[in-house]
Amino acid sequence: MGRRRRLKFRDEYIPLILSGRKRTTIRAKAKYVKGEVVDVADLRGKIHGEAVISNIVEKRFSDLTDQDAIEDGFPDVKELKKALKDIYGDLEEDATLYIYHFKFRKRRPLSRKRRR
């Protein structure tokens, strides 16, 4: 069995994912596929759970909406675009982005069976 791929997030986004407020991630590259199960990790590599990619929407930067922003954990599209420019640099209005919708599941603690 191969190692599962990781979907990495900045630390400030992890609580939004854990609370269910962040249900999408917007990326500049098409890397994942619908139905894929990925580990959700912070930038240090700590895994916080897993997610199933439930849908992928291709959209231009200029076409992002307030609804896209809310699903991504932002109050409005202005804040979302600001964050995307911080991550990816100066994005052109016609830049193609990929919105990954995901269903997050928290990591379950490993059960430790007592040996007798």
PDB file of N, CA and C in Angstrom:
ATOM      1  N   MET A   1       0.851  -1.184   0.000  1.00  0.00           N
ATOM      2  CA  MET A   1       0.000   0.000   0.000  1.00  0.00           C
ATOM      3  C   MET A   1       0.891   1.240   0.000  1.00  0.00           C
ATOM      4  N   GLY A   2       0.656   2.161  -0.933  1.00  0.00           N
ATOM      5  CA  GLY A   2       1.454   3.370  -1.027  1.00  0.00           C
ATOM      6  C   GLY A   2       1.081   4.380   0.038  1.00  0.00           C
ATOM      7  N   ARG A   3       1.998   5.290   0.251  1.00  0.00           N
ATOM      8  CA  ARG A   3       1.746   6.336   1.242  1.00  0.00           C
ATOM      9  C   ARG A   3       0.726   7.329   0.703  1.00  0.00           C
ATOM     10  N   ARG A   4      -0.172   7.726   1.554  1.00  0.00           N
ATOM     11  CA  ARG A   4      -1.215   8.669   1.176  1.00  0.00           C
ATOM     12  C   ARG A   4      -0.615  10.062   0.983  1.00  0.00           C
ATOM     13  N   ARG A   5      -1.127  10.794  -0.006  1.00  0.00           N
ATOM     14  CA  ARG A   5      -0.643  12.161  -0.222  1.00  0.00           C
ATOM     15  C   ARG A   5      -1.200  13.085   0.854  1.00  0.00           C
ATOM     16  N   ARG A   6      -0.493  14.189   1.056  1.00  0.00           N
ATOM     17  CA  ARG A   6      -0.894  15.162   2.076  1.00  0.00           C
ATOM     18  C   ARG A   6      -1.407  16.438   1.434  1.00  0.00           C
ATOM     19  N   LEU A   7      -2.417  16.992   2.055  1.00  0.00           N
ATOM     20  CA  LEU A   7      -2.952  18.298   1.701  1.00  0.00           C
ATOM     21  C   LEU A   7      -2.508  19.200   2.843  1.00  0.00           C
ATOM     22  N   LYS A   8      -1.544  20.090   2.570  1.00  0.00           N
ATOM     23  CA  LYS A   8      -0.952  20.899   3.632  1.00  0.00           C
ATOM     24  C   LYS A   8      -1.596  22.280   3.713  1.00  0.00           C
ATOM     25  N   PHE A   9      -1.680  22.761   4.959  1.00  0.00           N
ATOM     26  CA  PHE A   9      -2.293  24.056   5.238  1.00  0.00           C
ATOM     27  C   PHE A   9      -1.427  24.856   6.199  1.00  0.00           C
ATOM     28  N   ARG A  10      -1.513  26.157   6.080  1.00  0.00           N
ATOM     29  CA  ARG A  10      -0.881  27.039   7.066  1.00  0.00           C
ATOM     30  C   ARG A  10      -1.564  26.827   8.409  1.00  0.00           C
ATOM     31  N   ASP A  11      -0.802  27.081   9.486  1.00  0.00           N
ATOM     32  CA  ASP A  11      -1.321  26.853  10.843  1.00  0.00           C
ATOM     33  C   ASP A  11      -2.645  27.551  11.115  1.00  0.00           C
ATOM     34  N   GLU A  12      -2.815  28.772  10.610  1.00  0.00           N
ATOM     35  CA  GLU A  12      -4.034  29.525  10.923  1.00  0.00           C
ATOM     36  C   GLU A  12      -5.293  28.900  10.309  1.00  0.00           C
ATOM     37  N   TYR A  13      -5.130  28.001   9.331  1.00  0.00           N
ATOM     38  CA  TYR A  13      -6.288  27.376   8.699  1.00  0.00           C
ATOM     39  C   TYR A  13      -6.719  26.079   9.384  1.00  0.00           C
ATOM     40  N   ILE A  14      -5.840  25.479  10.167  1.00  0.00           N
ATOM     41  CA  ILE A  14      -6.163  24.196  10.809  1.00  0.00           C
ATOM     42  C   ILE A  14      -7.393  24.308  11.728  1.00  0.00           C
ATOM     43  N   PRO A  15      -7.487  25.321  12.618  1.00  0.00           N
ATOM     44  CA  PRO A  15      -8.699  25.413  13.458  1.00  0.00           C
ATOM     45  C   PRO A  15      -9.983  25.576  12.635  1.00  0.00           C
ATOM     46  N   LEU A  16      -9.906  26.259  11.498  1.00  0.00           N
ATOM     47  CA  LEU A  16     -11.088  26.428  10.641  1.00  0.00           C
ATOM     48  C   LEU A  16     -11.521  25.087  10.049  1.00  0.00           C
ATOM     49  N   ILE A  17     -10.549  24.257   9.701  1.00  0.00           N
ATOM     50  CA  ILE A  17     -10.862  22.924   9.183  1.00  0.00           C
ATOM     51  C   ILE A  17     -11.465  22.069  10.284  1.00  0.00           C
ATOM     52  N   LEU A  18     -10.837  22.089  11.456  1.00  0.00           N
ATOM     53  CA  LEU A  18     -11.316  21.274  12.583  1.00  0.00           C
ATOM     54  C   LEU A  18     -12.730  21.655  13.003  1.00  0.00           C
ATOM     55  N   SER A  19     -13.069  22.943  12.889  1.00  0.00           N
ATOM     56  CA  SER A  19     -14.401  23.411  13.283  1.00  0.00           C
ATOM     57  C   SER A  19     -15.447  23.211  12.188  1.00  0.00           C
ATOM     58  N   GLY A  20     -15.009  22.877  10.974  1.00  0.00           N
ATOM     59  CA  GLY A  20     -15.943  22.696   9.866  1.00  0.00           C
ATOM     60  C   GLY A  20     -16.236  23.955   9.087  1.00  0.00           C
ATOM     61  N   ARG A  21     -15.617  25.080   9.464  1.00  0.00           N
ATOM     62  CA  ARG A  21     -15.849  26.344   8.736  1.00  0.00           C
ATOM     63  C   ARG A  21     -15.142  26.363   7.389  1.00  0.00           C
ATOM     64  N   LYS A  22     -14.020  25.685   7.283  1.00  0.00           N
ATOM     65  CA  LYS A  22     -13.267  25.629   6.022  1.00  0.00           C
ATOM     66  C   LYS A  22     -13.526  24.270   5.388  1.00  0.00           C
ATOM     67  N   ARG A  23     -14.249  24.300   4.261  1.00  0.00           N
ATOM     68  CA  ARG A  23     -14.644  23.066   3.579  1.00  0.00           C
ATOM     69  C   ARG A  23     -14.053  22.956   2.174  1.00  0.00           C
ATOM     70  N   THR A  24     -13.262  23.964   1.805  1.00  0.00           N
ATOM     71  CA  THR A  24     -12.587  23.950   0.506  1.00  0.00           C
ATOM     72  C   THR A  24     -11.169  24.471   0.674  1.00  0.00           C
ATOM     73  N   THR A  25     -10.372  24.213  -0.331  1.00  0.00           N
ATOM     74  CA  THR A  25      -9.068  24.837  -0.434  1.00  0.00           C
ATOM     75  C   THR A  25      -8.868  25.212  -1.892  1.00  0.00           C
ATOM     76  N   ILE A  26      -8.289  26.356  -2.117  1.00  0.00           N
ATOM     77  CA  ILE A  26      -8.091  26.845  -3.477  1.00  0.00           C
ATOM     78  C   ILE A  26      -6.606  26.778  -3.783  1.00  0.00           C
ATOM     79  N   ARG A  27      -6.278  26.072  -4.836  1.00  0.00           N
ATOM     80  CA  ARG A  27      -4.885  25.849  -5.203  1.00  0.00           C
ATOM     81  C   ARG A  27      -4.635  26.298  -6.641  1.00  0.00           C
ATOM     82  N   ALA A  28      -3.372  26.614  -6.917  1.00  0.00           N
ATOM     83  CA  ALA A  28      -2.990  27.092  -8.244  1.00  0.00           C
ATOM     84  C   ALA A  28      -2.698  25.946  -9.209  1.00  0.00           C
ATOM     85  N   LYS A  29      -2.599  24.728  -8.692  1.00  0.00           N
ATOM     86  CA  LYS A  29      -2.297  23.578  -9.551  1.00  0.00           C
ATOM     87  C   LYS A  29      -3.334  22.485  -9.359  1.00  0.00           C
ATOM     88  N   ALA A  30      -3.612  21.771 -10.454  1.00  0.00           N
ATOM     89  CA  ALA A  30      -4.492  20.602 -10.396  1.00  0.00           C
ATOM     90  C   ALA A  30      -3.639  19.429  -9.962  1.00  0.00           C
ATOM     91  N   LYS A  31      -3.776  19.031  -8.709  1.00  0.00           N
ATOM     92  CA  LYS A  31      -2.907  18.002  -8.154  1.00  0.00           C
ATOM     93  C   LYS A  31      -3.673  16.781  -7.650  1.00  0.00           C
ATOM     94  N   TYR A  32      -4.874  16.987  -7.165  1.00  0.00           N
ATOM     95  CA  TYR A  32      -5.653  15.918  -6.552  1.00  0.00           C
ATOM     96  C   TYR A  32      -6.810  15.540  -7.466  1.00  0.00           C
ATOM     97  N   VAL A  33      -7.434  14.392  -7.196  1.00  0.00           N
ATOM     98  CA  VAL A  33      -8.552  13.936  -8.011  1.00  0.00           C
ATOM     99  C   VAL A  33      -9.775  13.691  -7.128  1.00  0.00           C
ATOM    100  N   LYS A  34     -10.936  13.825  -7.732  1.00  0.00           N
ATOM    101  CA  LYS A  34     -12.185  13.592  -7.019  1.00  0.00           C
ATOM    102  C   LYS A  34     -12.203  12.172  -6.471  1.00  0.00           C
ATOM    103  N   GLY A  35     -12.598  12.040  -5.201  1.00  0.00           N
ATOM    104  CA  GLY A  35     -12.655  10.749  -4.545  1.00  0.00           C
ATOM    105  C   GLY A  35     -11.372  10.367  -3.820  1.00  0.00           C
ATOM    106  N   GLU A  36     -10.307  11.111  -4.048  1.00  0.00           N
ATOM    107  CA  GLU A  36      -9.035  10.803  -3.399  1.00  0.00           C
ATOM    108  C   GLU A  36      -9.108  11.093  -1.902  1.00  0.00           C
ATOM    109  N   VAL A  37      -8.528  10.226  -1.104  1.00  0.00           N
ATOM    110  CA  VAL A  37      -8.423  10.428   0.339  1.00  0.00           C
ATOM    111  C   VAL A  37      -7.004  10.924   0.613  1.00  0.00           C
ATOM    112  N   VAL A  38      -6.915  12.058   1.313  1.00  0.00           N
ATOM    113  CA  VAL A  38      -5.621  12.672   1.607  1.00  0.00           C
ATOM    114  C   VAL A  38      -5.498  12.921   3.105  1.00  0.00           C
ATOM    115  N   ASP A  39      -4.264  12.963   3.587  1.00  0.00           N
ATOM    116  CA  ASP A  39      -4.020  13.367   4.967  1.00  0.00           C
ATOM    117  C   ASP A  39      -4.014  14.890   5.017  1.00  0.00           C
ATOM    118  N   VAL A  40      -4.670  15.461   6.011  1.00  0.00           N
ATOM    119  CA  VAL A  40      -4.676  16.910   6.217  1.00  0.00           C
ATOM    120  C   VAL A  40      -3.580  17.217   7.226  1.00  0.00           C
ATOM    121  N   ALA A  41      -2.608  18.035   6.791  1.00  0.00           N
ATOM    122  CA  ALA A  41      -1.435  18.303   7.614  1.00  0.00           C
ATOM    123  C   ALA A  41      -1.137  19.792   7.660  1.00  0.00           C
ATOM    124  N   ASP A  42      -0.423  20.193   8.730  1.00  0.00           N
ATOM    125  CA  ASP A  42       0.084  21.559   8.774  1.00  0.00           C
ATOM    126  C   ASP A  42       1.429  21.582   8.045  1.00  0.00           C
ATOM    127  N   LEU A  43       2.037  22.748   7.948  1.00  0.00           N
ATOM    128  CA  LEU A  43       3.272  22.884   7.177  1.00  0.00           C
ATOM    129  C   LEU A  43       4.457  22.149   7.801  1.00  0.00           C
ATOM    130  N   ARG A  44       4.354  21.811   9.093  1.00  0.00           N
ATOM    131  CA  ARG A  44       5.407  21.028   9.744  1.00  0.00           C
ATOM    132  C   ARG A  44       5.246  19.539   9.481  1.00  0.00           C
ATOM    133  N   GLY A  45       4.100  19.167   8.914  1.00  0.00           N
ATOM    134  CA  GLY A  45       3.859  17.773   8.587  1.00  0.00           C
ATOM    135  C   GLY A  45       2.984  17.025   9.574  1.00  0.00           C
ATOM    136  N   LYS A  46       2.539  17.703  10.650  1.00  0.00           N
ATOM    137  CA  LYS A  46       1.667  17.040  11.622  1.00  0.00           C
ATOM    138  C   LYS A  46       0.309  16.788  10.968  1.00  0.00           C
ATOM    139  N   ILE A  47      -0.128  15.533  11.043  1.00  0.00           N
ATOM    140  CA  ILE A  47      -1.401  15.157  10.438  1.00  0.00           C
ATOM    141  C   ILE A  47      -2.522  15.359  11.458  1.00  0.00           C
ATOM    142  N   HIS A  48      -3.571  16.085  11.033  1.00  0.00           N
ATOM    143  CA  HIS A  48      -4.700  16.408  11.909  1.00  0.00           C
ATOM    144  C   HIS A  48      -5.940  15.585  11.591  1.00  0.00           C
ATOM    145  N   GLY A  49      -5.917  14.871  10.495  1.00  0.00           N
ATOM    146  CA  GLY A  49      -7.056  14.063  10.087  1.00  0.00           C
ATOM    147  C   GLY A  49      -6.920  13.709   8.628  1.00  0.00           C
ATOM    148  N   GLU A  50      -8.042  13.320   8.055  1.00  0.00           N
ATOM    149  CA  GLU A  50      -8.029  12.982   6.636  1.00  0.00           C
ATOM    150  C   GLU A  50      -9.215  13.659   5.967  1.00  0.00           C
ATOM    151  N   ALA A  51      -9.135  13.776   4.661  1.00  0.00           N
ATOM    152  CA  ALA A  51     -10.215  14.398   3.903  1.00  0.00           C
ATOM    153  C   ALA A  51     -10.422  13.616   2.616  1.00  0.00           C
ATOM    154  N   VAL A  52     -11.669  13.593   2.189  1.00  0.00           N
ATOM    155  CA  VAL A  52     -12.015  13.025   0.893  1.00  0.00           C
ATOM    156  C   VAL A  52     -12.321  14.198  -0.027  1.00  0.00           C
ATOM    157  N   ILE A  53     -11.657  14.235  -1.178  1.00  0.00           N
ATOM    158  CA  ILE A  53     -11.928  15.280  -2.159  1.00  0.00           C
ATOM    159  C   ILE A  53     -13.271  14.943  -2.801  1.00  0.00           C
ATOM    160  N   SER A  54     -14.283  15.762  -2.522  1.00  0.00           N
ATOM    161  CA  SER A  54     -15.639  15.456  -2.987  1.00  0.00           C
ATOM    162  C   SER A  54     -15.983  16.133  -4.309  1.00  0.00           C
ATOM    163  N   ASN A  55     -15.273  17.204  -4.649  1.00  0.00           N
ATOM    164  CA  ASN A  55     -15.540  17.900  -5.912  1.00  0.00           C
ATOM    165  C   ASN A  55     -14.366  18.817  -6.226  1.00  0.00           C
ATOM    166  N   ILE A  56     -14.171  19.084  -7.494  1.00  0.00           N
ATOM    167  CA  ILE A  56     -13.130  20.016  -7.936  1.00  0.00           C
ATOM    168  C   ILE A  56     -13.766  20.969  -8.935  1.00  0.00           C
ATOM    169  N   VAL A  57     -13.616  22.269  -8.687  1.00  0.00           N
ATOM    170  CA  VAL A  57     -14.155  23.289  -9.577  1.00  0.00           C
ATOM    171  C   VAL A  57     -12.999  24.134 -10.090  1.00  0.00           C
ATOM    172  N   GLU A  58     -12.916  24.264 -11.393  1.00  0.00           N
ATOM    173  CA  GLU A  58     -11.901  25.111 -12.015  1.00  0.00           C
ATOM    174  C   GLU A  58     -12.512  26.492 -12.200  1.00  0.00           C
ATOM    175  N   LYS A  59     -11.790  27.531 -11.741  1.00  0.00           N
ATOM    176  CA  LYS A  59     -12.352  28.881 -11.789  1.00  0.00           C
ATOM    177  C   LYS A  59     -11.237  29.900 -11.954  1.00  0.00           C
ATOM    178  N   ARG A  60     -11.533  30.952 -12.672  1.00  0.00           N
ATOM    179  CA  ARG A  60     -10.563  32.045 -12.818  1.00  0.00           C
ATOM    180  C   ARG A  60     -10.550  32.878 -11.533  1.00  0.00           C
ATOM    181  N   PHE A  61      -9.399  33.449 -11.244  1.00  0.00           N
ATOM    182  CA  PHE A  61      -9.241  34.296 -10.061  1.00  0.00           C
ATOM    183  C   PHE A  61     -10.311  35.394 -10.038  1.00  0.00           C
ATOM    184  N   SER A  62     -10.561  36.015 -11.200  1.00  0.00           N
ATOM    185  CA  SER A  62     -11.538  37.117 -11.281  1.00  0.00           C
ATOM    186  C   SER A  62     -12.971  36.663 -11.025  1.00  0.00           C
ATOM    187  N   ASP A  63     -13.244  35.367 -11.154  1.00  0.00           N
ATOM    188  CA  ASP A  63     -14.605  34.850 -11.000  1.00  0.00           C
ATOM    189  C   ASP A  63     -14.918  34.332  -9.597  1.00  0.00           C
ATOM    190  N   LEU A  64     -13.954  34.414  -8.676  1.00  0.00           N
ATOM    191  CA  LEU A  64     -14.213  33.974  -7.305  1.00  0.00           C
ATOM    192  C   LEU A  64     -15.314  34.826  -6.683  1.00  0.00           C
ATOM    193  N   THR A  65     -16.127  34.214  -5.817  1.00  0.00           N
ATOM    194  CA  THR A  65     -17.291  34.896  -5.233  1.00  0.00           C
ATOM    195  C   THR A  65     -17.217  34.897  -3.706  1.00  0.00           C
ATOM    196  N   ASP A  66     -18.121  35.651  -3.105  1.00  0.00           N
ATOM    197  CA  ASP A  66     -18.235  35.628  -1.642  1.00  0.00           C
ATOM    198  C   ASP A  66     -18.559  34.216  -1.151  1.00  0.00           C
ATOM    199  N   GLN A  67     -19.377  33.467  -1.893  1.00  0.00           N
ATOM    200  CA  GLN A  67     -19.702  32.093  -1.494  1.00  0.00           C
ATOM    201  C   GLN A  67     -18.451  31.215  -1.502  1.00  0.00           C
ATOM    202  N   ASP A  68     -17.579  31.393  -2.511  1.00  0.00           N
ATOM    203  CA  ASP A  68     -16.306  30.661  -2.533  1.00  0.00           C
ATOM    204  C   ASP A  68     -15.495  31.000  -1.291  1.00  0.00           C
ATOM    205  N   ALA A  69     -15.500  32.273  -0.941  1.00  0.00           N
ATOM    206  CA  ALA A  69     -14.731  32.733   0.216  1.00  0.00           C
ATOM    207  C   ALA A  69     -15.257  32.119   1.513  1.00  0.00           C
ATOM    208  N   ILE A  70     -16.564  32.123   1.696  1.00  0.00           N
ATOM    209  CA  ILE A  70     -17.176  31.581   2.915  1.00  0.00           C
ATOM    210  C   ILE A  70     -16.862  30.094   3.061  1.00  0.00           C
ATOM    211  N   GLU A  71     -16.971  29.328   1.977  1.00  0.00           N
ATOM    212  CA  GLU A  71     -16.672  27.899   2.030  1.00  0.00           C
ATOM    213  C   GLU A  71     -15.194  27.651   2.327  1.00  0.00           C
ATOM    214  N   ASP A  72     -14.352  28.633   2.009  1.00  0.00           N
ATOM    215  CA  ASP A  72     -12.913  28.518   2.249  1.00  0.00           C
ATOM    216  C   ASP A  72     -12.512  29.109   3.603  1.00  0.00           C
ATOM    217  N   GLY A  73     -13.513  29.567   4.380  1.00  0.00           N
ATOM    218  CA  GLY A  73     -13.233  30.053   5.728  1.00  0.00           C
ATOM    219  C   GLY A  73     -12.963  31.538   5.833  1.00  0.00           C
ATOM    220  N   PHE A  74     -13.268  32.302   4.779  1.00  0.00           N
ATOM    221  CA  PHE A  74     -13.043  33.746   4.777  1.00  0.00           C
ATOM    222  C   PHE A  74     -14.371  34.484   4.831  1.00  0.00           C
ATOM    223  N   PRO A  75     -14.370  35.713   5.361  1.00  0.00           N
ATOM    224  CA  PRO A  75     -15.637  36.459   5.457  1.00  0.00           C
ATOM    225  C   PRO A  75     -16.171  36.938   4.107  1.00  0.00           C
ATOM    226  N   ASP A  76     -15.275  37.217   3.159  1.00  0.00           N
ATOM    227  CA  ASP A  76     -15.708  37.709   1.853  1.00  0.00           C
ATOM    228  C   ASP A  76     -14.611  37.485   0.811  1.00  0.00           C
ATOM    229  N   VAL A  77     -14.955  37.729  -0.435  1.00  0.00           N
ATOM    230  CA  VAL A  77     -14.036  37.458  -1.543  1.00  0.00           C
ATOM    231  C   VAL A  77     -12.804  38.374  -1.502  1.00  0.00           C
ATOM    232  N   LYS A  78     -12.949  39.576  -0.973  1.00  0.00           N
ATOM    233  CA  LYS A  78     -11.806  40.482  -0.868  1.00  0.00           C
ATOM    234  C   LYS A  78     -10.711  39.881   0.031  1.00  0.00           C
ATOM    235  N   GLU A  79     -11.115  39.335   1.175  1.00  0.00           N
ATOM    236  CA  GLU A  79     -10.156  38.709   2.094  1.00  0.00           C
ATOM    237  C   GLU A  79      -9.556  37.435   1.483  1.00  0.00           C
ATOM    238  N   LEU A  80     -10.378  36.664   0.778  1.00  0.00           N
ATOM    239  CA  LEU A  80      -9.898  35.451   0.116  1.00  0.00           C
ATOM    240  C   LEU A  80      -8.834  35.799  -0.919  1.00  0.00           C
ATOM    241  N   LYS A  81      -9.107  36.784  -1.752  1.00  0.00           N
ATOM    242  CA  LYS A  81      -8.151  37.162  -2.801  1.00  0.00           C
ATOM    243  C   LYS A  81      -6.854  37.695  -2.198  1.00  0.00           C
ATOM    244  N   LYS A  82      -6.970  38.427  -1.109  1.00  0.00           N
ATOM    245  CA  LYS A  82      -5.782  38.931  -0.411  1.00  0.00           C
ATOM    246  C   LYS A  82      -4.918  37.756   0.067  1.00  0.00           C
ATOM    247  N   ALA A  83      -5.546  36.747   0.667  1.00  0.00           N
ATOM    248  CA  ALA A  83      -4.816  35.576   1.158  1.00  0.00           C
ATOM    249  C   ALA A  83      -4.185  34.794   0.008  1.00  0.00           C
ATOM    250  N   LEU A  84      -4.911  34.625  -1.092  1.00  0.00           N
ATOM    251  CA  LEU A  84      -4.365  33.897  -2.236  1.00  0.00           C
ATOM    252  C   LEU A  84      -3.155  34.616  -2.824  1.00  0.00           C
ATOM    253  N   LYS A  85      -3.211  35.942  -2.877  1.00  0.00           N
ATOM    254  CA  LYS A  85      -2.064  36.708  -3.382  1.00  0.00           C
ATOM    255  C   LYS A  85      -0.876  36.606  -2.425  1.00  0.00           C
ATOM    256  N   ASP A  86      -1.160  36.512  -1.137  1.00  0.00           N
ATOM    257  CA  ASP A  86      -0.094  36.342  -0.149  1.00  0.00           C
ATOM    258  C   ASP A  86       0.600  34.991  -0.340  1.00  0.00           C
ATOM    259  N   ILE A  87      -0.170  33.969  -0.675  1.00  0.00           N
ATOM    260  CA  ILE A  87       0.375  32.624  -0.856  1.00  0.00           C
ATOM    261  C   ILE A  87       1.063  32.468  -2.213  1.00  0.00           C
ATOM    262  N   TYR A  88       0.411  32.909  -3.272  1.00  0.00           N
ATOM    263  CA  TYR A  88       0.887  32.646  -4.630  1.00  0.00           C
ATOM    264  C   TYR A  88       1.551  33.837  -5.321  1.00  0.00           C
ATOM    265  N   GLY A  89       1.627  34.960  -4.651  1.00  0.00           N
ATOM    266  CA  GLY A  89       2.180  36.142  -5.309  1.00  0.00           C
ATOM    267  C   GLY A  89       1.089  36.863  -6.077  1.00  0.00           C
ATOM    268  N   ASP A  90       1.485  37.747  -6.953  1.00  0.00           N
ATOM    269  CA  ASP A  90       0.516  38.554  -7.690  1.00  0.00           C
ATOM    270  C   ASP A  90      -0.174  37.714  -8.751  1.00  0.00           C
ATOM    271  N   LEU A  91      -1.399  37.293  -8.481  1.00  0.00           N
ATOM    272  CA  LEU A  91      -2.171  36.480  -9.418  1.00  0.00           C
ATOM    273  C   LEU A  91      -2.834  37.370 -10.462  1.00  0.00           C
ATOM    274  N   GLU A  92      -2.746  36.962 -11.703  1.00  0.00           N
ATOM    275  CA  GLU A  92      -3.447  37.663 -12.784  1.00  0.00           C
ATOM    276  C   GLU A  92      -4.941  37.391 -12.651  1.00  0.00           C
ATOM    277  N   GLU A  93      -5.756  38.318 -13.109  1.00  0.00           N
ATOM    278  CA  GLU A  93      -7.208  38.154 -13.024  1.00  0.00           C
ATOM    279  C   GLU A  93      -7.691  36.913 -13.777  1.00  0.00           C
ATOM    280  N   ASP A  94      -6.978  36.524 -14.855  1.00  0.00           N
ATOM    281  CA  ASP A  94      -7.402  35.354 -15.631  1.00  0.00           C
ATOM    282  C   ASP A  94      -6.681  34.067 -15.225  1.00  0.00           C
ATOM    283  N   ALA A  95      -5.956  34.100 -14.090  1.00  0.00           N
ATOM    284  CA  ALA A  95      -5.269  32.901 -13.606  1.00  0.00           C
ATOM    285  C   ALA A  95      -6.295  31.826 -13.268  1.00  0.00           C
ATOM    286  N   THR A  96      -6.023  30.592 -13.677  1.00  0.00           N
ATOM    287  CA  THR A  96      -6.907  29.468 -13.382  1.00  0.00           C
ATOM    288  C   THR A  96      -6.551  28.892 -12.018  1.00  0.00           C
ATOM    289  N   LEU A  97      -7.569  28.738 -11.188  1.00  0.00           N
ATOM    290  CA  LEU A  97      -7.406  28.149  -9.860  1.00  0.00           C
ATOM    291  C   LEU A  97      -8.292  26.916  -9.760  1.00  0.00           C
ATOM    292  N   TYR A  98      -7.990  26.066  -8.786  1.00  0.00           N
ATOM    293  CA  TYR A  98      -8.743  24.831  -8.582  1.00  0.00           C
ATOM    294  C   TYR A  98      -9.298  24.838  -7.163  1.00  0.00           C
ATOM    295  N   ILE A  99     -10.617  24.779  -7.062  1.00  0.00           N
ATOM    296  CA  ILE A  99     -11.281  24.761  -5.763  1.00  0.00           C
ATOM    297  C   ILE A  99     -11.565  23.299  -5.427  1.00  0.00           C
ATOM    298  N   TYR A 100     -10.880  22.819  -4.387  1.00  0.00           N
ATOM    299  CA  TYR A 100     -11.072  21.447  -3.931  1.00  0.00           C
ATOM    300  C   TYR A 100     -12.053  21.448  -2.777  1.00  0.00           C
ATOM    301  N   HIS A 101     -13.222  20.871  -2.985  1.00  0.00           N
ATOM    302  CA  HIS A 101     -14.199  20.682  -1.914  1.00  0.00           C
ATOM    303  C   HIS A 101     -13.818  19.385  -1.215  1.00  0.00           C
ATOM    304  N   PHE A 102     -13.848  19.410   0.113  1.00  0.00           N
ATOM    305  CA  PHE A 102     -13.462  18.196   0.832  1.00  0.00           C
ATOM    306  C   PHE A 102     -14.343  17.955   2.043  1.00  0.00           C
ATOM    307  N   LYS A 103     -14.382  16.696   2.439  1.00  0.00           N
ATOM    308  CA  LYS A 103     -15.084  16.289   3.658  1.00  0.00           C
ATOM    309  C   LYS A 103     -14.010  15.829   4.625  1.00  0.00           C
ATOM    310  N   PHE A 104     -13.876  16.566   5.725  1.00  0.00           N
ATOM    311  CA  PHE A 104     -12.823  16.307   6.698  1.00  0.00           C
ATOM    312  C   PHE A 104     -13.287  15.337   7.770  1.00  0.00           C
ATOM    313  N   ARG A 105     -12.379  14.461   8.162  1.00  0.00           N
ATOM    314  CA  ARG A 105     -12.615  13.554   9.293  1.00  0.00           C
ATOM    315  C   ARG A 105     -11.424  13.676  10.234  1.00  0.00           C
ATOM    316  N   LYS A 106     -11.713  13.934  11.504  1.00  0.00           N
ATOM    317  CA  LYS A 106     -10.641  14.061  12.492  1.00  0.00           C
ATOM    318  C   LYS A 106      -9.891  12.759  12.636  1.00  0.00           C
ATOM    319  N   ARG A 107      -8.638  12.889  12.985  1.00  0.00           N
ATOM    320  CA  ARG A 107      -7.817  11.709  13.224  1.00  0.00           C
ATOM    321  C   ARG A 107      -8.252  11.066  14.529  1.00  0.00           C
ATOM    322  N   ARG A 108      -8.461   9.800  14.481  1.00  0.00           N
ATOM    323  CA  ARG A 108      -8.841   9.075  15.691  1.00  0.00           C
ATOM    324  C   ARG A 108      -7.583   8.631  16.412  1.00  0.00           C
ATOM    325  N   PRO A 109      -7.584   8.736  17.732  1.00  0.00           N
ATOM    326  CA  PRO A 109      -6.405   8.255  18.469  1.00  0.00           C
ATOM    327  C   PRO A 109      -6.253   6.753  18.275  1.00  0.00           C
ATOM    328  N   LEU A 110      -5.021   6.327  18.220  1.00  0.00           N
ATOM    329  CA  LEU A 110      -4.767   4.892  18.092  1.00  0.00           C
ATOM    330  C   LEU A 110      -5.204   4.199  19.368  1.00  0.00           C
ATOM    331  N   SER A 111      -5.935   3.127  19.231  1.00  0.00           N
ATOM    332  CA  SER A 111      -6.347   2.401  20.433  1.00  0.00           C
ATOM    333  C   SER A 111      -5.176   1.551  20.888  1.00  0.00           C
ATOM    334  N   ARG A 112      -4.991   1.546  22.165  1.00  0.00           N
ATOM    335  CA  ARG A 112      -3.899   0.762  22.740  1.00  0.00           C
ATOM    336  C   ARG A 112      -4.510  -0.382  23.524  1.00  0.00           C
ATOM    337  N   LYS A 113      -4.296  -1.542  23.017  1.00  0.00           N
ATOM    338  CA  LYS A 113      -4.813  -2.726  23.711  1.00  0.00           C
ATOM    339  C   LYS A 113      -3.798  -3.171  24.755  1.00  0.00           C
ATOM    340  N   ARG A 114      -4.326  -3.485  25.896  1.00  0.00           N
ATOM    341  CA  ARG A 114      -3.440  -3.972  26.978  1.00  0.00           C
ATOM    342  C   ARG A 114      -3.073  -5.413  26.722  1.00  0.00           C
ATOM    343  N   ARG A 115      -1.824  -5.670  26.923  1.00  0.00           N
ATOM    344  CA  ARG A 115      -1.379  -7.064  26.826  1.00  0.00           C
ATOM    345  C   ARG A 115      -1.429  -7.690  28.204  1.00  0.00           C
ATOM    346  N   ARG A 116      -1.876  -8.899  28.247  1.00  0.00           N
ATOM    347  CA  ARG A 116      -1.972  -9.578  29.549  1.00  0.00           C
ATOM    348  C   ARG A 116      -0.930 -10.632  29.667  1.00  0.00           C
TER     349      ARG A 116
END
